[in-house]
Each structure stands twice: as structure tokens, then as C-alpha cells.
Amino acid sequence: MEEGTSKSPGHSQGTDGCQQWDPREDCDVRQILDRIADKWSLLVIALLEGRSLRFTELRRRIDGISQRMLTVTLRQLERDGLVLRTVYPVVPPRVDYELTPLGATLHVTIEALVRWTEDHQREIAAARDSYDRRAEAAAELVDA
């Protein structure tokens, strides 16, 4: 084994020289994670599972997203090969979006994350309440 390498799966080397969990901004792995872990990307991927939707349908279904942010998100997902954009030559132009086979594989991971969130939401709510009570008590001590 070469010096500086590790057999540990937590330290696998990527094709760009970055290691798993590498925090450097120029790391491909981090850039991909930043993209797919974005709240808008997660919602788009979830909504496109098993179907194609038009831009207006996506925007209507994603509460709080602006037209610009949806456009940027869809372009980035298309660039990464996760979403396919199909333009139909009709008047007015019709554009549909759907997951690519690669994007569909990501949906499985997103489902697991959502299931974990659903399974643990009560625990998280309790932890938040506990934290907020402690922070409020600490703030009262500082103000006193």
C-alpha cells in the first residue's frame, strides 16, 4: 500500500483526488453532495419519480420556490445527468422534465432519508424543545 493511503472505506479516494467526506470546496464529491442535498433538488427529484412534469406543474407543487430557483435547480440537475429536459416543437412551447435512469437511482436514497426523518421526527422535536428550554434558561441567567 502506498504511503498516505488507507484501506478504510471512510477514506476512499475519488477520481478527482478527493477523499470521501473531503471538506474542500473544489472536491467533486462535495460539489455533487452540495447539489443533491439541496432542499429544492431533493423535492424536484422526489416529485419526478415515475413521471414527467412540466415546469409549471413542478412550481405549483413546490411550495415556496421561485421561478428563478426552479430554473436554476432544473438546469443543474440536467447538467449532472439526473434530469432529462424534453422540448416539444409546439406553440406555445412545451417542456417536460423527468428523471434519468441515474436520477431514479438517487430517488431510492432520498426515500430512505425521508423514511429516517419520519421515523425520528418525534425524537428530533423533543430534542429541539429541550434545547430551546435550556437556551431560554441560559439567556435568562445572562439577563439577570
Protein backbone atom coordinates (compact mmCIF):
# COMPACT_ATOMS: atom_id res chain seq x y z
CA MET A 1 0.00 0.00 0.00
CA GLU A 2 1.29 3.49 -0.86
CA GLU A 3 2.17 5.95 1.83
CA GLY A 4 -0.79 8.17 2.74
CA THR A 5 -3.42 5.71 1.58
CA SER A 6 -5.86 3.81 3.73
CA LYS A 7 -7.94 0.67 3.36
CA SER A 8 -10.70 2.27 5.41
CA PRO A 9 -13.93 2.77 3.42
CA GLY A 10 -14.28 6.16 5.07
CA HIS A 11 -11.12 7.30 3.30
CA SER A 12 -11.64 6.09 -0.26
CA GLN A 13 -10.03 8.23 -2.91
CA GLY A 14 -12.24 9.67 -5.65
CA THR A 15 -11.30 10.21 -9.27
CA ASP A 16 -10.53 13.88 -8.63
CA GLY A 17 -8.02 13.13 -5.85
CA CYS A 18 -10.56 13.93 -3.14
CA GLN A 19 -11.26 11.57 -0.31
CA GLN A 20 -14.71 10.62 0.93
CA TRP A 21 -16.03 13.33 3.28
CA ASP A 22 -13.37 15.70 1.94
CA PRO A 23 -14.43 19.21 3.01
CA ARG A 24 -12.52 21.07 0.28
CA GLU A 25 -14.80 23.22 -1.86
CA ASP A 26 -13.16 22.19 -5.15
CA CYS A 27 -13.77 18.50 -4.50
CA ASP A 28 -16.13 16.80 -7.00
CA VAL A 29 -17.71 14.67 -4.29
CA ARG A 30 -18.52 17.70 -2.17
CA GLN A 31 -19.90 19.59 -5.16
CA ILE A 32 -22.19 16.70 -6.08
CA LEU A 33 -23.36 16.32 -2.47
CA ASP A 34 -23.99 20.07 -2.26
CA ARG A 35 -26.20 19.78 -5.34
CA ILE A 36 -28.23 16.70 -4.49
CA ALA A 37 -28.61 17.58 -0.81
CA ASP A 38 -30.08 20.98 -1.65
CA LYS A 39 -33.68 21.19 -0.45
CA TRP A 40 -35.01 22.18 -3.87
CA SER A 41 -33.15 19.37 -5.66
CA LEU A 42 -34.48 16.81 -3.21
CA LEU A 43 -38.05 17.97 -3.79
CA VAL A 44 -37.68 18.02 -7.59
CA ILE A 45 -36.22 14.51 -7.63
CA ALA A 46 -38.99 13.25 -5.33
CA LEU A 47 -41.72 14.79 -7.48
CA LEU A 48 -40.32 13.43 -10.73
CA GLU A 49 -40.23 9.83 -9.51
CA GLY A 50 -42.02 7.69 -12.07
CA ARG A 51 -43.44 10.59 -14.07
CA SER A 52 -42.65 13.63 -16.15
CA LEU A 53 -43.88 17.07 -15.17
CA ARG A 54 -43.97 20.43 -16.84
CA PHE A 55 -42.20 23.41 -15.29
CA THR A 56 -45.46 25.00 -14.16
CA GLU A 57 -46.60 21.75 -12.53
CA LEU A 58 -43.33 21.50 -10.60
CA ARG A 59 -43.53 25.11 -9.49
CA ARG A 60 -47.12 24.70 -8.34
CA ARG A 61 -46.25 21.57 -6.32
CA ILE A 62 -43.13 23.01 -4.61
CA ASP A 63 -44.31 25.50 -2.03
CA GLY A 64 -42.01 28.50 -1.66
CA ILE A 65 -39.77 28.01 -4.71
CA SER A 66 -39.32 30.97 -7.04
CA GLN A 67 -39.38 30.65 -10.81
CA ARG A 68 -35.69 31.55 -10.95
CA MET A 69 -34.68 29.00 -8.30
CA LEU A 70 -36.64 26.22 -10.01
CA THR A 71 -34.98 27.12 -13.32
CA VAL A 72 -31.51 27.05 -11.75
CA THR A 73 -32.23 23.78 -9.93
CA LEU A 74 -33.53 22.04 -13.05
CA ARG A 75 -30.56 23.22 -15.12
CA GLN A 76 -28.09 21.96 -12.53
CA LEU A 77 -29.84 18.60 -12.24
CA GLU A 78 -29.89 18.32 -16.03
CA ARG A 79 -26.18 19.18 -16.21
CA ASP A 80 -25.43 16.48 -13.63
CA GLY A 81 -27.34 13.92 -15.69
CA LEU A 82 -30.12 13.43 -13.15
CA VAL A 83 -32.98 15.10 -15.02
CA LEU A 84 -33.92 14.92 -18.69
CA ARG A 85 -35.46 18.00 -20.31
CA THR A 86 -37.62 17.37 -23.37
CA VAL A 87 -38.77 20.27 -25.55
CA TYR A 88 -41.75 19.68 -27.84
CA PRO A 89 -41.97 21.83 -31.01
CA VAL A 90 -45.47 23.14 -30.42
CA VAL A 91 -46.92 26.60 -29.86
CA PRO A 92 -46.68 27.55 -27.08
CA PRO A 93 -43.52 25.53 -26.42
CA ARG A 94 -43.96 22.56 -24.12
CA VAL A 95 -41.10 21.39 -21.91
CA ASP A 96 -41.27 18.27 -19.77
CA TYR A 97 -38.84 17.12 -17.09
CA GLU A 98 -38.25 13.57 -15.92
CA LEU A 99 -35.63 11.63 -14.02
CA THR A 100 -32.90 9.91 -15.98
CA PRO A 101 -32.03 6.33 -15.00
CA LEU A 102 -29.23 7.82 -12.89
CA GLY A 103 -31.67 10.21 -11.20
CA ALA A 104 -34.03 7.32 -10.49
CA THR A 105 -31.26 5.52 -8.58
CA LEU A 106 -30.86 8.62 -6.41
CA HIS A 107 -34.57 8.61 -5.60
CA VAL A 108 -34.12 5.34 -3.68
CA THR A 109 -31.62 7.07 -1.40
CA ILE A 110 -33.91 10.04 -0.91
CA GLU A 111 -36.75 7.70 0.08
CA ALA A 112 -34.51 6.17 2.75
CA LEU A 113 -33.68 9.64 4.08
CA VAL A 114 -37.37 10.59 4.20
CA ARG A 115 -38.23 7.34 6.00
CA TRP A 116 -35.50 8.03 8.57
CA THR A 117 -36.89 11.53 9.08
CA GLU A 118 -40.42 10.21 9.55
CA ASP A 119 -39.22 7.52 11.96
CA HIS A 120 -37.30 10.02 14.12
CA GLN A 121 -39.32 13.23 13.85
CA ARG A 122 -40.74 12.92 17.38
CA GLU A 123 -37.26 12.41 18.86
CA ILE A 124 -35.97 15.42 16.96
CA ALA A 125 -38.93 17.56 18.07
CA ALA A 126 -38.28 16.55 21.69
CA ALA A 127 -34.58 17.35 21.35
CA ARG A 128 -35.42 20.77 19.86
CA ASP A 129 -37.85 21.53 22.70
CA SER A 130 -35.25 20.52 25.28
CA TYR A 131 -32.56 22.62 23.62
CA ASP A 132 -34.87 25.65 23.35
CA ARG A 133 -35.76 25.40 27.05
CA ARG A 134 -32.07 25.21 28.02
CA ALA A 135 -31.19 28.14 25.75
CA GLU A 136 -34.04 30.20 27.16
CA ALA A 137 -32.95 29.43 30.73
CA ALA A 138 -29.34 30.34 29.89
CA ALA A 139 -30.48 33.63 28.31
CA GLU A 140 -32.48 34.48 31.44
CA LEU A 141 -29.37 33.90 33.58
CA VAL A 142 -27.34 36.25 31.38
CA ASP A 143 -30.05 38.93 31.52
CA ALA A 144 -30.37 38.67 35.31
